[in-house]
Amino acid sequence: MPLFSFICTDKPNSLELRMATRPPHVEHLTALNDKGILKMAGPFLDADGKPNGSLVIVETATIEEAKALADADPYAKAGLFEKVEVKPFNWVFNPPKA
């Protein structure tokens, strides 16, 4: 099944919203992980080491399914992101199954 990446950029000055929404976001990702859909996730960091975006990689049949997962994320629902790009991803070096 194909992989898709979510490249998410937080809105400026939104660290407080990110931290307030983090518990349901982690629950969402944990549920995807338990189903084998989530392959990797973590925050982008600014120059001070504070989170300012997210990278999520999922395995779904279609990009539409991936976009639906991105839209269902509590961070997205809370309006944290300024921009979310969902793109096909090819894990070439050091994939988990290698």
PDB file of N, CA and C in Angstrom:
ATOM      1  N   MET A   1       0.841  -1.175   0.000  1.00  0.00           N
ATOM      2  CA  MET A   1       0.000   0.000   0.000  1.00  0.00           C
ATOM      3  C   MET A   1       0.891   1.245   0.000  1.00  0.00           C
ATOM      4  N   PRO A   2       0.445   2.306  -0.645  1.00  0.00           N
ATOM      5  CA  PRO A   2       1.278   3.513  -0.741  1.00  0.00           C
ATOM      6  C   PRO A   2       1.373   4.286   0.577  1.00  0.00           C
ATOM      7  N   LEU A   3       2.469   5.042   0.660  1.00  0.00           N
ATOM      8  CA  LEU A   3       2.697   5.922   1.797  1.00  0.00           C
ATOM      9  C   LEU A   3       2.385   7.356   1.398  1.00  0.00           C
ATOM     10  N   PHE A   4       1.927   8.148   2.388  1.00  0.00           N
ATOM     11  CA  PHE A   4       1.649   9.565   2.180  1.00  0.00           C
ATOM     12  C   PHE A   4       2.197  10.348   3.354  1.00  0.00           C
ATOM     13  N   SER A   5       2.733  11.518   3.053  1.00  0.00           N
ATOM     14  CA  SER A   5       3.249  12.393   4.105  1.00  0.00           C
ATOM     15  C   SER A   5       2.307  13.572   4.286  1.00  0.00           C
ATOM     16  N   PHE A   6       2.165  13.994   5.530  1.00  0.00           N
ATOM     17  CA  PHE A   6       1.476  15.238   5.863  1.00  0.00           C
ATOM     18  C   PHE A   6       2.563  16.196   6.309  1.00  0.00           C
ATOM     19  N   ILE A   7       2.701  17.291   5.616  1.00  0.00           N
ATOM     20  CA  ILE A   7       3.661  18.332   5.983  1.00  0.00           C
ATOM     21  C   ILE A   7       2.821  19.500   6.484  1.00  0.00           C
ATOM     22  N   CYS A   8       2.836  19.688   7.790  1.00  0.00           N
ATOM     23  CA  CYS A   8       1.933  20.632   8.444  1.00  0.00           C
ATOM     24  C   CYS A   8       2.725  21.795   9.021  1.00  0.00           C
ATOM     25  N   THR A   9       2.282  23.003   8.722  1.00  0.00           N
ATOM     26  CA  THR A   9       2.913  24.221   9.224  1.00  0.00           C
ATOM     27  C   THR A   9       1.951  24.905  10.180  1.00  0.00           C
ATOM     28  N   ASP A  10       2.406  25.143  11.410  1.00  0.00           N
ATOM     29  CA  ASP A  10       1.558  25.817  12.391  1.00  0.00           C
ATOM     30  C   ASP A  10       1.363  27.279  12.024  1.00  0.00           C
ATOM     31  N   LYS A  11       0.237  27.827  12.445  1.00  0.00           N
ATOM     32  CA  LYS A  11       0.013  29.268  12.350  1.00  0.00           C
ATOM     33  C   LYS A  11       0.995  29.968  13.294  1.00  0.00           C
ATOM     34  N   PRO A  12       1.386  31.192  12.993  1.00  0.00           N
ATOM     35  CA  PRO A  12       2.286  31.919  13.889  1.00  0.00           C
ATOM     36  C   PRO A  12       1.675  32.062  15.291  1.00  0.00           C
ATOM     37  N   ASN A  13       2.558  32.035  16.284  1.00  0.00           N
ATOM     38  CA  ASN A  13       2.166  32.259  17.688  1.00  0.00           C
ATOM     39  C   ASN A  13       1.077  31.300  18.161  1.00  0.00           C
ATOM     40  N   SER A  14       1.196  30.027  17.786  1.00  0.00           N
ATOM     41  CA  SER A  14       0.151  29.065  18.130  1.00  0.00           C
ATOM     42  C   SER A  14       0.638  27.952  19.059  1.00  0.00           C
ATOM     43  N   LEU A  15       1.774  28.171  19.719  1.00  0.00           N
ATOM     44  CA  LEU A  15       2.320  27.125  20.590  1.00  0.00           C
ATOM     45  C   LEU A  15       1.329  26.757  21.700  1.00  0.00           C
ATOM     46  N   GLU A  16       0.646  27.736  22.247  1.00  0.00           N
ATOM     47  CA  GLU A  16      -0.315  27.474  23.322  1.00  0.00           C
ATOM     48  C   GLU A  16      -1.445  26.555  22.834  1.00  0.00           C
ATOM     49  N   LEU A  17      -1.971  26.826  21.639  1.00  0.00           N
ATOM     50  CA  LEU A  17      -3.017  25.977  21.066  1.00  0.00           C
ATOM     51  C   LEU A  17      -2.475  24.573  20.817  1.00  0.00           C
ATOM     52  N   ARG A  18      -1.255  24.474  20.313  1.00  0.00           N
ATOM     53  CA  ARG A  18      -0.630  23.163  20.066  1.00  0.00           C
ATOM     54  C   ARG A  18      -0.565  22.369  21.358  1.00  0.00           C
ATOM     55  N   MET A  19      -0.084  22.984  22.417  1.00  0.00           N
ATOM     56  CA  MET A  19       0.096  22.265  23.672  1.00  0.00           C
ATOM     57  C   MET A  19      -1.257  21.886  24.286  1.00  0.00           C
ATOM     58  N   ALA A  20      -2.248  22.750  24.171  1.00  0.00           N
ATOM     59  CA  ALA A  20      -3.573  22.460  24.708  1.00  0.00           C
ATOM     60  C   ALA A  20      -4.246  21.313  23.965  1.00  0.00           C
ATOM     61  N   THR A  21      -3.939  21.180  22.679  1.00  0.00           N
ATOM     62  CA  THR A  21      -4.574  20.170  21.829  1.00  0.00           C
ATOM     63  C   THR A  21      -3.747  18.892  21.727  1.00  0.00           C
ATOM     64  N   ARG A  22      -2.559  18.883  22.316  1.00  0.00           N
ATOM     65  CA  ARG A  22      -1.651  17.749  22.170  1.00  0.00           C
ATOM     66  C   ARG A  22      -2.243  16.421  22.665  1.00  0.00           C
ATOM     67  N   PRO A  23      -2.886  16.352  23.843  1.00  0.00           N
ATOM     68  CA  PRO A  23      -3.395  15.046  24.282  1.00  0.00           C
ATOM     69  C   PRO A  23      -4.343  14.368  23.288  1.00  0.00           C
ATOM     70  N   PRO A  24      -5.373  15.053  22.752  1.00  0.00           N
ATOM     71  CA  PRO A  24      -6.210  14.360  21.762  1.00  0.00           C
ATOM     72  C   PRO A  24      -5.464  14.059  20.455  1.00  0.00           C
ATOM     73  N   HIS A  25      -4.493  14.899  20.105  1.00  0.00           N
ATOM     74  CA  HIS A  25      -3.675  14.633  18.914  1.00  0.00           C
ATOM     75  C   HIS A  25      -2.898  13.330  19.097  1.00  0.00           C
ATOM     76  N   VAL A  26      -2.284  13.166  20.259  1.00  0.00           N
ATOM     77  CA  VAL A  26      -1.520  11.943  20.536  1.00  0.00           C
ATOM     78  C   VAL A  26      -2.447  10.724  20.562  1.00  0.00           C
ATOM     79  N   GLU A  27      -3.652  10.873  21.118  1.00  0.00           N
ATOM     80  CA  GLU A  27      -4.622   9.768  21.106  1.00  0.00           C
ATOM     81  C   GLU A  27      -4.978   9.381  19.670  1.00  0.00           C
ATOM     82  N   HIS A  28      -5.169  10.385  18.822  1.00  0.00           N
ATOM     83  CA  HIS A  28      -5.496  10.147  17.408  1.00  0.00           C
ATOM     84  C   HIS A  28      -4.375   9.360  16.727  1.00  0.00           C
ATOM     85  N   LEU A  29      -3.143   9.818  16.924  1.00  0.00           N
ATOM     86  CA  LEU A  29      -2.003   9.127  16.299  1.00  0.00           C
ATOM     87  C   LEU A  29      -1.811   7.731  16.880  1.00  0.00           C
ATOM     88  N   THR A  30      -2.054   7.575  18.169  1.00  0.00           N
ATOM     89  CA  THR A  30      -1.935   6.254  18.802  1.00  0.00           C
ATOM     90  C   THR A  30      -2.939   5.281  18.188  1.00  0.00           C
ATOM     91  N   ALA A  31      -4.155   5.744  17.949  1.00  0.00           N
ATOM     92  CA  ALA A  31      -5.169   4.888  17.316  1.00  0.00           C
ATOM     93  C   ALA A  31      -4.743   4.483  15.909  1.00  0.00           C
ATOM     94  N   LEU A  32      -4.173   5.430  15.147  1.00  0.00           N
ATOM     95  CA  LEU A  32      -3.678   5.102  13.805  1.00  0.00           C
ATOM     96  C   LEU A  32      -2.518   4.118  13.881  1.00  0.00           C
ATOM     97  N   ASN A  33      -1.661   4.305  14.864  1.00  0.00           N
ATOM     98  CA  ASN A  33      -0.528   3.395  15.046  1.00  0.00           C
ATOM     99  C   ASN A  33      -1.017   1.992  15.387  1.00  0.00           C
ATOM    100  N   ASP A  34      -2.006   1.894  16.276  1.00  0.00           N
ATOM    101  CA  ASP A  34      -2.543   0.589  16.674  1.00  0.00           C
ATOM    102  C   ASP A  34      -3.154  -0.156  15.491  1.00  0.00           C
ATOM    103  N   LYS A  35      -3.666   0.598  14.504  1.00  0.00           N
ATOM    104  CA  LYS A  35      -4.250  -0.013  13.300  1.00  0.00           C
ATOM    105  C   LYS A  35      -3.205  -0.298  12.225  1.00  0.00           C
ATOM    106  N   GLY A  36      -1.938   0.090  12.468  1.00  0.00           N
ATOM    107  CA  GLY A  36      -0.879  -0.138  11.493  1.00  0.00           C
ATOM    108  C   GLY A  36      -0.841   0.898  10.374  1.00  0.00           C
ATOM    109  N   ILE A  37      -1.598   1.977  10.519  1.00  0.00           N
ATOM    110  CA  ILE A  37      -1.670   3.012   9.485  1.00  0.00           C
ATOM    111  C   ILE A  37      -0.525   4.013   9.624  1.00  0.00           C
ATOM    112  N   LEU A  38      -0.222   4.392  10.859  1.00  0.00           N
ATOM    113  CA  LEU A  38       0.825   5.381  11.118  1.00  0.00           C
ATOM    114  C   LEU A  38       2.192   4.727  10.996  1.00  0.00           C
ATOM    115  N   LYS A  39       3.066   5.340  10.221  1.00  0.00           N
ATOM    116  CA  LYS A  39       4.418   4.821  10.043  1.00  0.00           C
ATOM    117  C   LYS A  39       5.453   5.665  10.764  1.00  0.00           C
ATOM    118  N   MET A  40       5.195   6.972  10.900  1.00  0.00           N
ATOM    119  CA  MET A  40       6.143   7.864  11.555  1.00  0.00           C
ATOM    120  C   MET A  40       5.444   9.192  11.810  1.00  0.00           C
ATOM    121  N   ALA A  41       5.824   9.863  12.898  1.00  0.00           N
ATOM    122  CA  ALA A  41       5.270  11.192  13.162  1.00  0.00           C
ATOM    123  C   ALA A  41       6.166  11.932  14.140  1.00  0.00           C
ATOM    124  N   GLY A  42       6.168  13.243  14.009  1.00  0.00           N
ATOM    125  CA  GLY A  42       6.905  14.070  14.949  1.00  0.00           C
ATOM    126  C   GLY A  42       6.819  15.530  14.552  1.00  0.00           C
ATOM    127  N   PRO A  43       7.201  16.419  15.489  1.00  0.00           N
ATOM    128  CA  PRO A  43       7.099  17.847  15.211  1.00  0.00           C
ATOM    129  C   PRO A  43       8.327  18.397  14.503  1.00  0.00           C
ATOM    130  N   PHE A  44       8.104  19.451  13.731  1.00  0.00           N
ATOM    131  CA  PHE A  44       9.195  20.297  13.272  1.00  0.00           C
ATOM    132  C   PHE A  44       9.498  21.255  14.425  1.00  0.00           C
ATOM    133  N   LEU A  45      10.732  21.728  14.503  1.00  0.00           N
ATOM    134  CA  LEU A  45      11.133  22.607  15.598  1.00  0.00           C
ATOM    135  C   LEU A  45      11.661  23.930  15.067  1.00  0.00           C
ATOM    136  N   ASP A  46      11.388  25.006  15.802  1.00  0.00           N
ATOM    137  CA  ASP A  46      11.928  26.307  15.422  1.00  0.00           C
ATOM    138  C   ASP A  46      13.349  26.462  15.978  1.00  0.00           C
ATOM    139  N   ALA A  47      13.949  27.617  15.805  1.00  0.00           N
ATOM    140  CA  ALA A  47      15.336  27.855  16.233  1.00  0.00           C
ATOM    141  C   ALA A  47      15.511  27.725  17.741  1.00  0.00           C
ATOM    142  N   ASP A  48      14.422  27.877  18.495  1.00  0.00           N
ATOM    143  CA  ASP A  48      14.483  27.741  19.952  1.00  0.00           C
ATOM    144  C   ASP A  48      14.136  26.334  20.421  1.00  0.00           C
ATOM    145  N   GLY A  49      13.915  25.418  19.467  1.00  0.00           N
ATOM    146  CA  GLY A  49      13.575  24.044  19.824  1.00  0.00           C
ATOM    147  C   GLY A  49      12.113  23.830  20.168  1.00  0.00           C
ATOM    148  N   LYS A  50      11.269  24.803  19.857  1.00  0.00           N
ATOM    149  CA  LYS A  50       9.827  24.692  20.124  1.00  0.00           C
ATOM    150  C   LYS A  50       9.121  24.151  18.885  1.00  0.00           C
ATOM    151  N   PRO A  51       8.108  23.287  19.068  1.00  0.00           N
ATOM    152  CA  PRO A  51       7.390  22.745  17.919  1.00  0.00           C
ATOM    153  C   PRO A  51       6.679  23.847  17.131  1.00  0.00           C
ATOM    154  N   ASN A  52       6.752  23.729  15.799  1.00  0.00           N
ATOM    155  CA  ASN A  52       6.082  24.715  14.935  1.00  0.00           C
ATOM    156  C   ASN A  52       5.489  24.084  13.675  1.00  0.00           C
ATOM    157  N   GLY A  53       5.284  22.794  13.715  1.00  0.00           N
ATOM    158  CA  GLY A  53       4.710  22.063  12.597  1.00  0.00           C
ATOM    159  C   GLY A  53       4.804  20.578  12.859  1.00  0.00           C
ATOM    160  N   SER A  54       4.347  19.789  11.911  1.00  0.00           N
ATOM    161  CA  SER A  54       4.346  18.338  12.082  1.00  0.00           C
ATOM    162  C   SER A  54       4.675  17.630  10.771  1.00  0.00           C
ATOM    163  N   LEU A  55       5.304  16.482  10.908  1.00  0.00           N
ATOM    164  CA  LEU A  55       5.493  15.555   9.793  1.00  0.00           C
ATOM    165  C   LEU A  55       4.850  14.241  10.215  1.00  0.00           C
ATOM    166  N   VAL A  56       3.923  13.770   9.407  1.00  0.00           N
ATOM    167  CA  VAL A  56       3.232  12.510   9.678  1.00  0.00           C
ATOM    168  C   VAL A  56       3.302  11.682   8.411  1.00  0.00           C
ATOM    169  N   ILE A  57       3.628  10.412   8.544  1.00  0.00           N
ATOM    170  CA  ILE A  57       3.645   9.502   7.393  1.00  0.00           C
ATOM    171  C   ILE A  57       2.697   8.352   7.689  1.00  0.00           C
ATOM    172  N   VAL A  58       1.760   8.141   6.760  1.00  0.00           N
ATOM    173  CA  VAL A  58       0.753   7.092   6.910  1.00  0.00           C
ATOM    174  C   VAL A  58       0.765   6.188   5.683  1.00  0.00           C
ATOM    175  N   GLU A  59       0.193   5.023   5.864  1.00  0.00           N
ATOM    176  CA  GLU A  59       0.025   4.072   4.762  1.00  0.00           C
ATOM    177  C   GLU A  59      -1.471   3.868   4.544  1.00  0.00           C
ATOM    178  N   THR A  60      -1.956   4.315   3.391  1.00  0.00           N
ATOM    179  CA  THR A  60      -3.365   4.165   3.035  1.00  0.00           C
ATOM    180  C   THR A  60      -3.466   3.775   1.570  1.00  0.00           C
ATOM    181  N   ALA A  61      -4.637   3.342   1.173  1.00  0.00           N
ATOM    182  CA  ALA A  61      -4.842   2.902  -0.211  1.00  0.00           C
ATOM    183  C   ALA A  61      -4.838   4.068  -1.190  1.00  0.00           C
ATOM    184  N   THR A  62      -5.363   5.219  -0.757  1.00  0.00           N
ATOM    185  CA  THR A  62      -5.493   6.353  -1.675  1.00  0.00           C
ATOM    186  C   THR A  62      -5.104   7.656  -0.977  1.00  0.00           C
ATOM    187  N   ILE A  63      -4.807   8.656  -1.782  1.00  0.00           N
ATOM    188  CA  ILE A  63      -4.497   9.972  -1.223  1.00  0.00           C
ATOM    189  C   ILE A  63      -5.747  10.582  -0.575  1.00  0.00           C
ATOM    190  N   GLU A  64      -6.923  10.238  -1.061  1.00  0.00           N
ATOM    191  CA  GLU A  64      -8.156  10.731  -0.454  1.00  0.00           C
ATOM    192  C   GLU A  64      -8.298  10.220   0.979  1.00  0.00           C
ATOM    193  N   GLU A  65      -7.956   8.959   1.199  1.00  0.00           N
ATOM    194  CA  GLU A  65      -7.988   8.407   2.564  1.00  0.00           C
ATOM    195  C   GLU A  65      -6.970   9.122   3.446  1.00  0.00           C
ATOM    196  N   ALA A  66      -5.798   9.385   2.890  1.00  0.00           N
ATOM    197  CA  ALA A  66      -4.762  10.091   3.652  1.00  0.00           C
ATOM    198  C   ALA A  66      -5.233  11.497   4.009  1.00  0.00           C
ATOM    199  N   LYS A  67      -5.841  12.192   3.053  1.00  0.00           N
ATOM    200  CA  LYS A  67      -6.343  13.548   3.323  1.00  0.00           C
ATOM    201  C   LYS A  67      -7.427  13.525   4.399  1.00  0.00           C
ATOM    202  N   ALA A  68      -8.268  12.517   4.383  1.00  0.00           N
ATOM    203  CA  ALA A  68      -9.308  12.404   5.412  1.00  0.00           C
ATOM    204  C   ALA A  68      -8.684  12.212   6.796  1.00  0.00           C
ATOM    205  N   LEU A  69      -7.612  11.445   6.875  1.00  0.00           N
ATOM    206  CA  LEU A  69      -6.916  11.268   8.152  1.00  0.00           C
ATOM    207  C   LEU A  69      -6.289  12.580   8.611  1.00  0.00           C
ATOM    208  N   ALA A  70      -5.707  13.316   7.686  1.00  0.00           N
ATOM    209  CA  ALA A  70      -5.102  14.608   8.034  1.00  0.00           C
ATOM    210  C   ALA A  70      -6.177  15.565   8.542  1.00  0.00           C
ATOM    211  N   ASP A  71      -7.332  15.573   7.903  1.00  0.00           N
ATOM    212  CA  ASP A  71      -8.429  16.451   8.312  1.00  0.00           C
ATOM    213  C   ASP A  71      -9.010  16.048   9.670  1.00  0.00           C
ATOM    214  N   ALA A  72      -8.916  14.772  10.007  1.00  0.00           N
ATOM    215  CA  ALA A  72      -9.481  14.263  11.268  1.00  0.00           C
ATOM    216  C   ALA A  72      -8.570  14.515  12.465  1.00  0.00           C
ATOM    217  N   ASP A  73      -7.336  14.915  12.222  1.00  0.00           N
ATOM    218  CA  ASP A  73      -6.404  15.166  13.317  1.00  0.00           C
ATOM    219  C   ASP A  73      -6.926  16.291  14.206  1.00  0.00           C
ATOM    220  N   PRO A  74      -6.921  16.112  15.515  1.00  0.00           N
ATOM    221  CA  PRO A  74      -7.373  17.183  16.415  1.00  0.00           C
ATOM    222  C   PRO A  74      -6.630  18.504  16.223  1.00  0.00           C
ATOM    223  N   TYR A  75      -5.369  18.474  15.851  1.00  0.00           N
ATOM    224  CA  TYR A  75      -4.663  19.721  15.554  1.00  0.00           C
ATOM    225  C   TYR A  75      -5.334  20.457  14.400  1.00  0.00           C
ATOM    226  N   ALA A  76      -5.671  19.724  13.335  1.00  0.00           N
ATOM    227  CA  ALA A  76      -6.327  20.335  12.179  1.00  0.00           C
ATOM    228  C   ALA A  76      -7.710  20.856  12.566  1.00  0.00           C
ATOM    229  N   LYS A  77      -8.452  20.067  13.314  1.00  0.00           N
ATOM    230  CA  LYS A  77      -9.797  20.476  13.734  1.00  0.00           C
ATOM    231  C   LYS A  77      -9.762  21.715  14.618  1.00  0.00           C
ATOM    232  N   ALA A  78      -8.695  21.881  15.394  1.00  0.00           N
ATOM    233  CA  ALA A  78      -8.564  23.040  16.289  1.00  0.00           C
ATOM    234  C   ALA A  78      -8.093  24.289  15.549  1.00  0.00           C
ATOM    235  N   GLY A  79      -7.726  24.147  14.281  1.00  0.00           N
ATOM    236  CA  GLY A  79      -7.256  25.289  13.506  1.00  0.00           C
ATOM    237  C   GLY A  79      -5.803  25.646  13.750  1.00  0.00           C
ATOM    238  N   LEU A  80      -5.003  24.688  14.207  1.00  0.00           N
ATOM    239  CA  LEU A  80      -3.586  24.937  14.494  1.00  0.00           C
ATOM    240  C   LEU A  80      -2.786  25.235  13.240  1.00  0.00           C
ATOM    241  N   PHE A  81      -3.098  24.566  12.146  1.00  0.00           N
ATOM    242  CA  PHE A  81      -2.237  24.621  10.975  1.00  0.00           C
ATOM    243  C   PHE A  81      -2.569  25.778  10.037  1.00  0.00           C
ATOM    244  N   GLU A  82      -1.517  26.428   9.583  1.00  0.00           N
ATOM    245  CA  GLU A  82      -1.623  27.438   8.535  1.00  0.00           C
ATOM    246  C   GLU A  82      -1.736  26.757   7.177  1.00  0.00           C
ATOM    247  N   LYS A  83      -1.035  25.615   7.056  1.00  0.00           N
ATOM    248  CA  LYS A  83      -1.002  24.900   5.776  1.00  0.00           C
ATOM    249  C   LYS A  83      -0.746  23.427   6.045  1.00  0.00           C
ATOM    250  N   VAL A  84      -1.409  22.564   5.283  1.00  0.00           N
ATOM    251  CA  VAL A  84      -1.166  21.113   5.330  1.00  0.00           C
ATOM    252  C   VAL A  84      -1.028  20.629   3.895  1.00  0.00           C
ATOM    253  N   GLU A  85       0.104  20.024   3.609  1.00  0.00           N
ATOM    254  CA  GLU A  85       0.313  19.394   2.303  1.00  0.00           C
ATOM    255  C   GLU A  85       0.284  17.885   2.501  1.00  0.00           C
ATOM    256  N   VAL A  86      -0.492  17.191   1.697  1.00  0.00           N
ATOM    257  CA  VAL A  86      -0.518  15.733   1.713  1.00  0.00           C
ATOM    258  C   VAL A  86       0.087  15.284   0.391  1.00  0.00           C
ATOM    259  N   LYS A  87       1.195  14.546   0.492  1.00  0.00           N
ATOM    260  CA  LYS A  87       1.940  14.152  -0.713  1.00  0.00           C
ATOM    261  C   LYS A  87       2.289  12.670  -0.668  1.00  0.00           C
ATOM    262  N   PRO A  88       2.298  12.010  -1.833  1.00  0.00           N
ATOM    263  CA  PRO A  88       2.824  10.644  -1.877  1.00  0.00           C
ATOM    264  C   PRO A  88       4.276  10.645  -1.408  1.00  0.00           C
ATOM    265  N   PHE A  89       4.660   9.565  -0.728  1.00  0.00           N
ATOM    266  CA  PHE A  89       5.990   9.479  -0.135  1.00  0.00           C
ATOM    267  C   PHE A  89       6.608   8.137  -0.492  1.00  0.00           C
ATOM    268  N   ASN A  90       7.884   8.164  -0.850  1.00  0.00           N
ATOM    269  CA  ASN A  90       8.630   6.944  -1.154  1.00  0.00           C
ATOM    270  C   ASN A  90       9.770   6.826  -0.150  1.00  0.00           C
ATOM    271  N   TRP A  91       9.662   5.896   0.778  1.00  0.00           N
ATOM    272  CA  TRP A  91      10.662   5.710   1.830  1.00  0.00           C
ATOM    273  C   TRP A  91      11.799   4.860   1.265  1.00  0.00           C
ATOM    274  N   VAL A  92      12.879   5.513   0.834  1.00  0.00           N
ATOM    275  CA  VAL A  92      13.972   4.835   0.148  1.00  0.00           C
ATOM    276  C   VAL A  92      15.037   4.334   1.126  1.00  0.00           C
ATOM    277  N   PHE A  93      15.546   5.210   1.971  1.00  0.00           N
ATOM    278  CA  PHE A  93      16.641   4.832   2.868  1.00  0.00           C
ATOM    279  C   PHE A  93      16.124   4.486   4.264  1.00  0.00           C
ATOM    280  N   ASN A  94      16.572   3.384   4.774  1.00  0.00           N
ATOM    281  CA  ASN A  94      16.260   2.901   6.120  1.00  0.00           C
ATOM    282  C   ASN A  94      14.772   2.769   6.416  1.00  0.00           C
ATOM    283  N   PRO A  95      14.005   2.238   5.491  1.00  0.00           N
ATOM    284  CA  PRO A  95      12.596   2.019   5.821  1.00  0.00           C
ATOM    285  C   PRO A  95      12.490   0.955   6.926  1.00  0.00           C
ATOM    286  N   PRO A  96      11.422   0.973   7.714  1.00  0.00           N
ATOM    287  CA  PRO A  96      11.310   0.044   8.828  1.00  0.00           C
ATOM    288  C   PRO A  96      11.347  -1.420   8.429  1.00  0.00           C
ATOM    289  N   LYS A  97      10.915  -1.741   7.219  1.00  0.00           N
ATOM    290  CA  LYS A  97      10.876  -3.141   6.785  1.00  0.00           C
ATOM    291  C   LYS A  97      12.205  -3.604   6.193  1.00  0.00           C
ATOM    292  N   ALA A  98      13.180  -2.702   6.097  1.00  0.00           N
ATOM    293  CA  ALA A  98      14.475  -3.050   5.478  1.00  0.00           C
ATOM    294  C   ALA A  98      15.278  -3.952   6.390  1.00  0.00           C
TER     295      ALA A  98
END
